[in-house]
Each structure stands twice: as C-alpha cells, then as structure tokens.
Protein backbone atom coordinates (compact mmCIF):
# COMPACT_ATOMS: atom_id res chain seq x y z
CA MET A 1 0.00 0.00 0.00
CA LEU A 2 2.80 2.42 0.87
CA ASP A 3 4.59 1.85 -2.42
CA GLN A 4 1.43 2.56 -4.37
CA LEU A 5 0.71 5.70 -2.39
CA GLU A 6 4.23 7.02 -2.83
CA ALA A 7 4.18 6.25 -6.54
CA THR A 8 0.88 8.07 -6.90
CA LYS A 9 2.21 11.03 -4.95
CA MET A 10 5.28 11.20 -7.17
CA SER A 11 3.24 10.98 -10.34
CA PHE A 12 0.77 13.53 -9.01
CA ARG A 13 3.35 16.12 -8.02
CA ASP A 14 5.21 15.54 -11.26
CA LYS A 15 2.06 16.19 -13.26
CA LEU A 16 0.95 19.08 -11.08
CA MET A 17 4.09 21.20 -11.03
CA GLY A 18 6.89 19.03 -12.36
CA SER A 19 10.40 19.55 -11.01
CA ARG A 20 9.16 22.38 -8.78
CA ALA A 21 7.04 20.01 -6.68
CA ILE A 22 10.06 17.78 -6.14
CA GLY A 23 11.84 20.57 -4.28
CA LYS A 24 8.73 21.35 -2.26
CA PHE A 25 7.88 17.80 -1.21
CA GLU A 26 11.50 16.73 -0.80
C-alpha cells in the first residue's frame, strides 16, 4: 500500500508542477 501511495504522490506532483514540486515535497 505504501509503495502505491508514494508512486501516486510522485506521479501527481510531477504532473501538477513538475520539477518544482520535487523541491517542495522533498
């Protein structure tokens, strides 16, 4: 379940803002 959630979060942030979201979430 965790893997799926994390994968979805990554895909979501990548689609939402792209590389910008990466810096915000990480």
